[in-house]
């Protein structure tokens, strides 16, 4: 198991917040092997509970930001602007994770003829999934943490 005391200061701060909320995720934590600049950055890779997919949730900390990704075609960055007035980006990342794990927020990705067009978050409390428009020829894929809202649409 990862010794959190060996993480850099901002990674350790976020890890403390993250594992307080999801202690079971600690077993999926390690130093980020893809990080060349900050060797003490955190990487957490949590398999999707519905299918154990290796393309589950990933969380990284480096260069004073938190990145959260899901699947093989979505990620979002918190704290990446460098703006000191940005607010508490670590809390923002945790809020997103909570909303995603609770399935209040789902992930949508679009592709056309196998080419990735983009990925975005859909807040189910504000938008009905049946109202998501799909342009002709575009494949829309929606994924939720537990799979309860998974679907694929092709226009």
C-alpha atoms as a PDB file:
ATOM      1  CA  UNK A   1       0.000   0.000   0.000  1.00  0.00           C
ATOM      2  CA  UNK A   2       1.145   3.523  -0.809  1.00  0.00           C
ATOM      3  CA  UNK A   3       2.755   5.476   2.037  1.00  0.00           C
ATOM      4  CA  UNK A   4       0.856   8.774   1.798  1.00  0.00           C
ATOM      5  CA  UNK A   5       3.588  10.566   3.758  1.00  0.00           C
ATOM      6  CA  UNK A   6       5.892  10.141   0.759  1.00  0.00           C
ATOM      7  CA  UNK A   7       3.579  12.082  -1.565  1.00  0.00           C
ATOM      8  CA  UNK A   8       4.371  15.727  -2.309  1.00  0.00           C
ATOM      9  CA  UNK A   9       2.497  18.279  -0.185  1.00  0.00           C
ATOM     10  CA  UNK A  10      -0.445  19.036  -2.493  1.00  0.00           C
ATOM     11  CA  UNK A  11      -0.894  15.373  -3.452  1.00  0.00           C
ATOM     12  CA  UNK A  12      -0.876  14.378   0.223  1.00  0.00           C
ATOM     13  CA  UNK A  13      -3.456  17.073   1.038  1.00  0.00           C
ATOM     14  CA  UNK A  14      -5.776  15.849  -1.701  1.00  0.00           C
ATOM     15  CA  UNK A  15      -5.168  12.174  -0.816  1.00  0.00           C
ATOM     16  CA  UNK A  16      -6.166  12.866   2.794  1.00  0.00           C
ATOM     17  CA  UNK A  17      -9.423  14.434   1.590  1.00  0.00           C
ATOM     18  CA  UNK A  18     -10.082  11.723  -0.999  1.00  0.00           C
ATOM     19  CA  UNK A  19      -9.442   8.706   1.228  1.00  0.00           C
ATOM     20  CA  UNK A  20     -11.409  10.193   4.087  1.00  0.00           C
ATOM     21  CA  UNK A  21     -14.424  10.036   1.763  1.00  0.00           C
ATOM     22  CA  UNK A  22     -13.523   6.763  -0.035  1.00  0.00           C
ATOM     23  CA  UNK A  23     -11.099   4.773   2.161  1.00  0.00           C
ATOM     24  CA  UNK A  24     -11.642   1.657   0.024  1.00  0.00           C
ATOM     25  CA  UNK A  25      -9.936   3.434  -2.893  1.00  0.00           C
ATOM     26  CA  UNK A  26      -6.607   3.579  -1.062  1.00  0.00           C
ATOM     27  CA  UNK A  27      -5.740   0.069  -2.276  1.00  0.00           C
ATOM     28  CA  UNK A  28      -5.850   1.453  -5.852  1.00  0.00           C
ATOM     29  CA  UNK A  29      -3.382   4.287  -5.118  1.00  0.00           C
ATOM     30  CA  UNK A  30       0.247   4.535  -6.195  1.00  0.00           C
ATOM     31  CA  UNK A  31       2.818   7.057  -7.304  1.00  0.00           C
ATOM     32  CA  UNK A  32       2.003   8.282 -10.793  1.00  0.00           C
ATOM     33  CA  UNK A  33       4.436   6.375 -13.075  1.00  0.00           C
ATOM     34  CA  UNK A  34       3.513   8.616 -16.012  1.00  0.00           C
ATOM     35  CA  UNK A  35       4.569  11.797 -14.218  1.00  0.00           C
ATOM     36  CA  UNK A  36       8.101  12.887 -15.112  1.00  0.00           C
ATOM     37  CA  UNK A  37       8.005  16.303 -13.432  1.00  0.00           C
ATOM     38  CA  UNK A  38       6.666  15.304 -10.002  1.00  0.00           C
ATOM     39  CA  UNK A  39       7.681  11.775  -9.025  1.00  0.00           C
ATOM     40  CA  UNK A  40       5.702  12.065  -5.762  1.00  0.00           C
ATOM     41  CA  UNK A  41       2.359  12.739  -7.487  1.00  0.00           C
ATOM     42  CA  UNK A  42      -0.649  10.520  -6.803  1.00  0.00           C
ATOM     43  CA  UNK A  43      -2.433   8.179  -9.212  1.00  0.00           C
ATOM     44  CA  UNK A  44      -5.591   6.342  -8.181  1.00  0.00           C
ATOM     45  CA  UNK A  45      -7.170   3.900 -10.645  1.00  0.00           C
ATOM     46  CA  UNK A  46     -10.516   2.548  -9.455  1.00  0.00           C
ATOM     47  CA  UNK A  47     -12.148  -0.207 -11.531  1.00  0.00           C
ATOM     48  CA  UNK A  48     -15.750   0.410 -12.492  1.00  0.00           C
ATOM     49  CA  UNK A  49     -17.885  -1.563 -10.013  1.00  0.00           C
ATOM     50  CA  UNK A  50     -20.447  -2.633 -12.600  1.00  0.00           C
ATOM     51  CA  UNK A  51     -18.037  -4.498 -14.855  1.00  0.00           C
ATOM     52  CA  UNK A  52     -14.580  -4.230 -13.275  1.00  0.00           C
ATOM     53  CA  UNK A  53     -13.426  -2.434 -16.398  1.00  0.00           C
ATOM     54  CA  UNK A  54      -9.789  -1.454 -16.402  1.00  0.00           C
ATOM     55  CA  UNK A  55     -10.975   1.791 -17.994  1.00  0.00           C
ATOM     56  CA  UNK A  56     -12.695   2.894 -14.809  1.00  0.00           C
ATOM     57  CA  UNK A  57     -12.027   6.026 -12.830  1.00  0.00           C
ATOM     58  CA  UNK A  58      -8.596   7.612 -12.617  1.00  0.00           C
ATOM     59  CA  UNK A  59      -7.464  10.491 -10.426  1.00  0.00           C
ATOM     60  CA  UNK A  60      -4.081  12.209 -10.637  1.00  0.00           C
ATOM     61  CA  UNK A  61      -2.421  15.095  -8.854  1.00  0.00           C
ATOM     62  CA  UNK A  62       0.418  17.034 -10.378  1.00  0.00           C
ATOM     63  CA  UNK A  63       1.486  20.605 -10.912  1.00  0.00           C
ATOM     64  CA  UNK A  64      -1.111  21.891  -8.454  1.00  0.00           C
ATOM     65  CA  UNK A  65      -4.095  20.413 -10.228  1.00  0.00           C
ATOM     66  CA  UNK A  66      -6.337  17.382  -9.925  1.00  0.00           C
ATOM     67  CA  UNK A  67      -7.342  15.454 -13.038  1.00  0.00           C
ATOM     68  CA  UNK A  68     -10.259  13.052 -12.993  1.00  0.00           C
ATOM     69  CA  UNK A  69     -10.968  10.721 -15.868  1.00  0.00           C
ATOM     70  CA  UNK A  70     -13.346   7.926 -16.679  1.00  0.00           C
ATOM     71  CA  UNK A  71     -13.175   5.326 -19.388  1.00  0.00           C
ATOM     72  CA  UNK A  72     -10.770   5.768 -22.222  1.00  0.00           C
ATOM     73  CA  UNK A  73     -12.112   9.040 -23.611  1.00  0.00           C
ATOM     74  CA  UNK A  74     -12.998  11.528 -20.839  1.00  0.00           C
ATOM     75  CA  UNK A  75     -11.082  13.588 -18.325  1.00  0.00           C
ATOM     76  CA  UNK A  76     -11.581  16.875 -16.522  1.00  0.00           C
ATOM     77  CA  UNK A  77      -9.006  19.087 -14.854  1.00  0.00           C
ATOM     78  CA  UNK A  78      -9.462  21.053 -11.645  1.00  0.00           C
ATOM     79  CA  UNK A  79      -7.058  23.856 -10.712  1.00  0.00           C
ATOM     80  CA  UNK A  80      -5.463  24.007 -14.127  1.00  0.00           C
ATOM     81  CA  UNK A  81      -5.913  27.713 -14.736  1.00  0.00           C
ATOM     82  CA  UNK A  82      -3.317  28.843 -12.199  1.00  0.00           C
ATOM     83  CA  UNK A  83      -5.717  31.598 -11.123  1.00  0.00           C
ATOM     84  CA  UNK A  84      -5.455  32.138  -7.343  1.00  0.00           C
ATOM     85  CA  UNK A  85      -9.103  33.284  -7.321  1.00  0.00           C
ATOM     86  CA  UNK A  86     -10.245  30.004  -8.849  1.00  0.00           C
ATOM     87  CA  UNK A  87     -11.587  28.754  -5.526  1.00  0.00           C
ATOM     88  CA  UNK A  88     -10.851  25.474  -3.831  1.00  0.00           C
ATOM     89  CA  UNK A  89     -10.187  23.216  -6.803  1.00  0.00           C
ATOM     90  CA  UNK A  90      -9.624  20.179  -4.568  1.00  0.00           C
ATOM     91  CA  UNK A  91     -13.131  20.593  -3.144  1.00  0.00           C
ATOM     92  CA  UNK A  92     -14.442  21.042  -6.693  1.00  0.00           C
ATOM     93  CA  UNK A  93     -12.801  17.770  -7.731  1.00  0.00           C
ATOM     94  CA  UNK A  94     -14.265  15.952  -4.714  1.00  0.00           C
ATOM     95  CA  UNK A  95     -17.703  17.419  -5.429  1.00  0.00           C
ATOM     96  CA  UNK A  96     -17.492  16.140  -9.008  1.00  0.00           C
ATOM     97  CA  UNK A  97     -16.402  12.697  -7.797  1.00  0.00           C
ATOM     98  CA  UNK A  98     -19.295  12.588  -5.319  1.00  0.00           C
ATOM     99  CA  UNK A  99     -21.802  13.587  -8.004  1.00  0.00           C
ATOM    100  CA  UNK A 100     -20.373  11.016 -10.419  1.00  0.00           C
ATOM    101  CA  UNK A 101     -20.281   8.135  -7.926  1.00  0.00           C
ATOM    102  CA  UNK A 102     -23.860   8.998  -6.882  1.00  0.00           C
ATOM    103  CA  UNK A 103     -24.787   9.001 -10.599  1.00  0.00           C
ATOM    104  CA  UNK A 104     -26.122  12.568 -10.448  1.00  0.00           C
ATOM    105  CA  UNK A 105     -23.556  13.340 -13.148  1.00  0.00           C
ATOM    106  CA  UNK A 106     -22.872  11.029 -16.088  1.00  0.00           C
ATOM    107  CA  UNK A 107     -20.257  11.142 -18.821  1.00  0.00           C
ATOM    108  CA  UNK A 108     -21.104  11.565 -22.497  1.00  0.00           C
ATOM    109  CA  UNK A 109     -18.735  11.001 -25.393  1.00  0.00           C
ATOM    110  CA  UNK A 110     -19.369  11.534 -29.075  1.00  0.00           C
ATOM    111  CA  UNK A 111     -17.715   9.923 -32.070  1.00  0.00           C
ATOM    112  CA  UNK A 112     -18.232   9.820 -35.799  1.00  0.00           C
ATOM    113  CA  UNK A 113     -17.047   6.902 -37.905  1.00  0.00           C
ATOM    114  CA  UNK A 114     -14.879   5.769 -34.987  1.00  0.00           C
ATOM    115  CA  UNK A 115     -13.214   9.159 -34.495  1.00  0.00           C
ATOM    116  CA  UNK A 116     -13.541  10.764 -31.067  1.00  0.00           C
ATOM    117  CA  UNK A 117     -15.282  14.165 -31.198  1.00  0.00           C
ATOM    118  CA  UNK A 118     -15.381  15.066 -27.510  1.00  0.00           C
ATOM    119  CA  UNK A 119     -16.480  14.209 -24.009  1.00  0.00           C
ATOM    120  CA  UNK A 120     -18.490  16.144 -21.444  1.00  0.00           C
ATOM    121  CA  UNK A 121     -20.389  15.900 -18.169  1.00  0.00           C
ATOM    122  CA  UNK A 122     -24.179  15.836 -17.989  1.00  0.00           C
ATOM    123  CA  UNK A 123     -25.800  16.787 -14.688  1.00  0.00           C
ATOM    124  CA  UNK A 124     -28.957  14.682 -14.521  1.00  0.00           C
ATOM    125  CA  UNK A 125     -30.453  17.086 -11.962  1.00  0.00           C
ATOM    126  CA  UNK A 126     -30.485  19.807 -14.649  1.00  0.00           C
ATOM    127  CA  UNK A 127     -30.827  17.930 -17.931  1.00  0.00           C
ATOM    128  CA  UNK A 128     -32.930  14.955 -18.919  1.00  0.00           C
ATOM    129  CA  UNK A 129     -30.860  12.377 -20.782  1.00  0.00           C
ATOM    130  CA  UNK A 130     -33.714  11.955 -23.269  1.00  0.00           C
ATOM    131  CA  UNK A 131     -33.208  15.596 -24.299  1.00  0.00           C
ATOM    132  CA  UNK A 132     -29.564  15.148 -25.375  1.00  0.00           C
ATOM    133  CA  UNK A 133     -29.413  15.859 -29.098  1.00  0.00           C
ATOM    134  CA  UNK A 134     -27.366  13.695 -31.429  1.00  0.00           C
ATOM    135  CA  UNK A 135     -26.357  15.089 -34.804  1.00  0.00           C
ATOM    136  CA  UNK A 136     -26.716  12.892 -37.896  1.00  0.00           C
ATOM    137  CA  UNK A 137     -23.897  10.364 -38.179  1.00  0.00           C
ATOM    138  CA  UNK A 138     -22.762  10.896 -34.583  1.00  0.00           C
ATOM    139  CA  UNK A 139     -22.641   8.098 -32.034  1.00  0.00           C
ATOM    140  CA  UNK A 140     -23.369   9.260 -28.487  1.00  0.00           C
ATOM    141  CA  UNK A 141     -22.241   7.075 -25.613  1.00  0.00           C
ATOM    142  CA  UNK A 142     -23.400   7.790 -22.053  1.00  0.00           C
ATOM    143  CA  UNK A 143     -21.767   6.069 -19.086  1.00  0.00           C
ATOM    144  CA  UNK A 144     -22.496   6.270 -15.386  1.00  0.00           C
ATOM    145  CA  UNK A 145     -20.425   4.932 -12.493  1.00  0.00           C
ATOM    146  CA  UNK A 146     -22.746   2.025 -11.655  1.00  0.00           C
ATOM    147  CA  UNK A 147     -24.059   1.583 -15.185  1.00  0.00           C
ATOM    148  CA  UNK A 148     -27.648   2.523 -14.352  1.00  0.00           C
ATOM    149  CA  UNK A 149     -27.746   5.210 -17.060  1.00  0.00           C
ATOM    150  CA  UNK A 150     -25.489   3.613 -19.681  1.00  0.00           C
ATOM    151  CA  UNK A 151     -26.730   3.901 -23.227  1.00  0.00           C
ATOM    152  CA  UNK A 152     -25.677   4.440 -26.812  1.00  0.00           C
ATOM    153  CA  UNK A 153     -27.497   6.477 -29.407  1.00  0.00           C
ATOM    154  CA  UNK A 154     -26.772   6.806 -33.108  1.00  0.00           C
ATOM    155  CA  UNK A 155     -28.425   9.484 -35.220  1.00  0.00           C
END
